[in-house]
């Protein structure tokens, strides 16, 4: 049983980066609100994230 779990974890570890890149590729071909539609809060969330990253970079 541990060999099966170890084998499954190894396969999953190798497959996750490929699946992630495939998901990013899929999202890049879609409109910005096709997967997640945040409505009027979308721009607010983006601005807060940009500000947070800017403050984090300044603090480094």
Foldseek 3Di string as FASTA:
>chain_A
DVVVVVVVVVVCVVCVVVVVVVVVVVCVVDPPPPPPNPDPCVVVVVVVVVVVVVVVVVVD
